[in-house]
Amino acid sequence: MSKIFKFLIYLIILIGIGVVAYVYLGPWFGVDFDAPQSEIRQPVTLDAQ
């Protein structure tokens, strides 16, 4: 049972390292993580009396 637990811990750590590496190295491979930015203006009508 402890071997399975150790294996799962090591697997989770390796997956975490892989995700962090993908985030840092992604832009070098053409992956764009930036959200599209554009200004949005909408008129607001306030019904104050």
N, C-alpha and C. Protein backbone atom coordinates (compact mmCIF):
# COMPACT_ATOMS: atom_id res chain seq x y z
N MET A 1 0.83 -1.20 0.00
CA MET A 1 0.00 0.00 0.00
C MET A 1 0.87 1.26 0.00
N SER A 2 1.97 1.22 0.75
CA SER A 2 2.82 2.40 0.80
C SER A 2 3.52 2.64 -0.53
N LYS A 3 3.79 1.57 -1.30
CA LYS A 3 4.42 1.74 -2.61
C LYS A 3 3.48 2.49 -3.56
N ILE A 4 2.21 2.16 -3.51
CA ILE A 4 1.23 2.86 -4.35
C ILE A 4 1.12 4.31 -3.93
N PHE A 5 1.12 4.56 -2.64
CA PHE A 5 1.03 5.94 -2.13
C PHE A 5 2.25 6.75 -2.55
N LYS A 6 3.45 6.16 -2.44
CA LYS A 6 4.67 6.85 -2.87
C LYS A 6 4.63 7.11 -4.37
N PHE A 7 4.17 6.12 -5.13
CA PHE A 7 4.08 6.29 -6.58
C PHE A 7 3.14 7.44 -6.94
N LEU A 8 2.00 7.52 -6.27
CA LEU A 8 1.05 8.60 -6.55
C LEU A 8 1.62 9.96 -6.17
N ILE A 9 2.34 10.03 -5.06
CA ILE A 9 2.97 11.30 -4.66
C ILE A 9 4.00 11.72 -5.70
N TYR A 10 4.85 10.78 -6.12
CA TYR A 10 5.86 11.10 -7.13
C TYR A 10 5.20 11.51 -8.45
N LEU A 11 4.13 10.84 -8.81
CA LEU A 11 3.42 11.17 -10.04
C LEU A 11 2.82 12.56 -9.97
N ILE A 12 2.23 12.92 -8.84
CA ILE A 12 1.65 14.26 -8.68
C ILE A 12 2.74 15.32 -8.74
N ILE A 13 3.90 15.06 -8.13
CA ILE A 13 5.01 16.01 -8.18
C ILE A 13 5.51 16.17 -9.61
N LEU A 14 5.65 15.07 -10.34
CA LEU A 14 6.11 15.16 -11.73
C LEU A 14 5.11 15.89 -12.61
N ILE A 15 3.84 15.66 -12.40
CA ILE A 15 2.82 16.38 -13.16
C ILE A 15 2.88 17.87 -12.85
N GLY A 16 3.07 18.23 -11.59
CA GLY A 16 3.19 19.64 -11.20
C GLY A 16 4.39 20.29 -11.87
N ILE A 17 5.52 19.60 -11.86
CA ILE A 17 6.72 20.15 -12.51
C ILE A 17 6.48 20.28 -14.02
N GLY A 18 5.79 19.33 -14.61
CA GLY A 18 5.49 19.40 -16.05
C GLY A 18 4.59 20.57 -16.39
N VAL A 19 3.59 20.83 -15.56
CA VAL A 19 2.68 21.96 -15.81
C VAL A 19 3.43 23.28 -15.68
N VAL A 20 4.26 23.41 -14.65
CA VAL A 20 5.03 24.64 -14.47
C VAL A 20 5.99 24.84 -15.63
N ALA A 21 6.65 23.78 -16.07
CA ALA A 21 7.56 23.88 -17.21
C ALA A 21 6.79 24.27 -18.48
N TYR A 22 5.61 23.73 -18.68
CA TYR A 22 4.80 24.07 -19.85
C TYR A 22 4.40 25.54 -19.83
N VAL A 23 4.06 26.05 -18.64
CA VAL A 23 3.66 27.45 -18.54
C VAL A 23 4.84 28.37 -18.86
N TYR A 24 6.03 28.03 -18.36
CA TYR A 24 7.18 28.89 -18.60
C TYR A 24 7.76 28.73 -20.01
N LEU A 25 7.72 27.53 -20.55
CA LEU A 25 8.32 27.30 -21.86
C LEU A 25 7.32 27.37 -23.00
N GLY A 26 6.04 27.48 -22.71
CA GLY A 26 5.02 27.53 -23.74
C GLY A 26 5.19 28.64 -24.76
N PRO A 27 5.47 29.88 -24.33
CA PRO A 27 5.64 30.95 -25.32
C PRO A 27 6.78 30.69 -26.31
N TRP A 28 7.80 29.94 -25.93
CA TRP A 28 8.88 29.61 -26.87
C TRP A 28 8.41 28.65 -27.96
N PHE A 29 7.36 27.88 -27.65
CA PHE A 29 6.85 26.92 -28.62
C PHE A 29 5.60 27.42 -29.33
N GLY A 30 5.27 28.70 -29.17
CA GLY A 30 4.16 29.28 -29.90
C GLY A 30 2.82 29.22 -29.19
N VAL A 31 2.80 28.90 -27.92
CA VAL A 31 1.55 28.85 -27.16
C VAL A 31 1.34 30.20 -26.50
N ASP A 32 0.19 30.81 -26.71
CA ASP A 32 -0.10 32.14 -26.17
C ASP A 32 -1.10 32.01 -25.03
N PHE A 33 -0.67 32.37 -23.82
CA PHE A 33 -1.53 32.26 -22.64
C PHE A 33 -2.20 33.58 -22.28
N ASP A 34 -1.93 34.65 -23.02
CA ASP A 34 -2.51 35.95 -22.70
C ASP A 34 -3.98 35.98 -23.09
N ALA A 35 -4.76 36.60 -22.23
CA ALA A 35 -6.18 36.78 -22.54
C ALA A 35 -6.32 37.90 -23.57
N PRO A 36 -7.26 37.78 -24.50
CA PRO A 36 -7.46 38.87 -25.45
C PRO A 36 -7.95 40.12 -24.72
N GLN A 37 -7.30 41.23 -25.00
CA GLN A 37 -7.63 42.47 -24.31
C GLN A 37 -8.20 43.48 -25.29
N SER A 38 -9.37 43.98 -24.95
CA SER A 38 -9.97 45.04 -25.74
C SER A 38 -10.87 45.85 -24.81
N GLU A 39 -10.98 47.13 -25.11
CA GLU A 39 -11.79 48.02 -24.28
C GLU A 39 -13.26 47.88 -24.66
N ILE A 40 -14.10 47.71 -23.68
CA ILE A 40 -15.54 47.58 -23.91
C ILE A 40 -16.24 48.71 -23.17
N ARG A 41 -17.02 49.48 -23.90
CA ARG A 41 -17.77 50.58 -23.30
C ARG A 41 -19.25 50.33 -23.54
N GLN A 42 -20.03 50.38 -22.46
CA GLN A 42 -21.47 50.22 -22.58
C GLN A 42 -22.14 51.32 -21.76
N PRO A 43 -23.14 51.98 -22.34
CA PRO A 43 -23.82 53.00 -21.58
C PRO A 43 -24.68 52.37 -20.47
N VAL A 44 -24.72 53.08 -19.35
CA VAL A 44 -25.49 52.61 -18.20
C VAL A 44 -26.54 53.64 -17.86
N THR A 45 -27.78 53.20 -17.75
CA THR A 45 -28.88 54.09 -17.37
C THR A 45 -29.22 53.83 -15.90
N LEU A 46 -29.11 54.89 -15.07
CA LEU A 46 -29.43 54.78 -13.67
C LEU A 46 -30.82 55.34 -13.43
N ASP A 47 -31.67 54.58 -12.77
CA ASP A 47 -33.01 55.03 -12.46
C ASP A 47 -33.07 55.57 -11.04
N ALA A 48 -32.34 56.64 -10.80
CA ALA A 48 -32.34 57.26 -9.46
C ALA A 48 -33.38 58.39 -9.42
N GLN A 49 -34.09 58.51 -8.31
CA GLN A 49 -35.12 59.56 -8.21
C GLN A 49 -34.74 60.56 -7.16
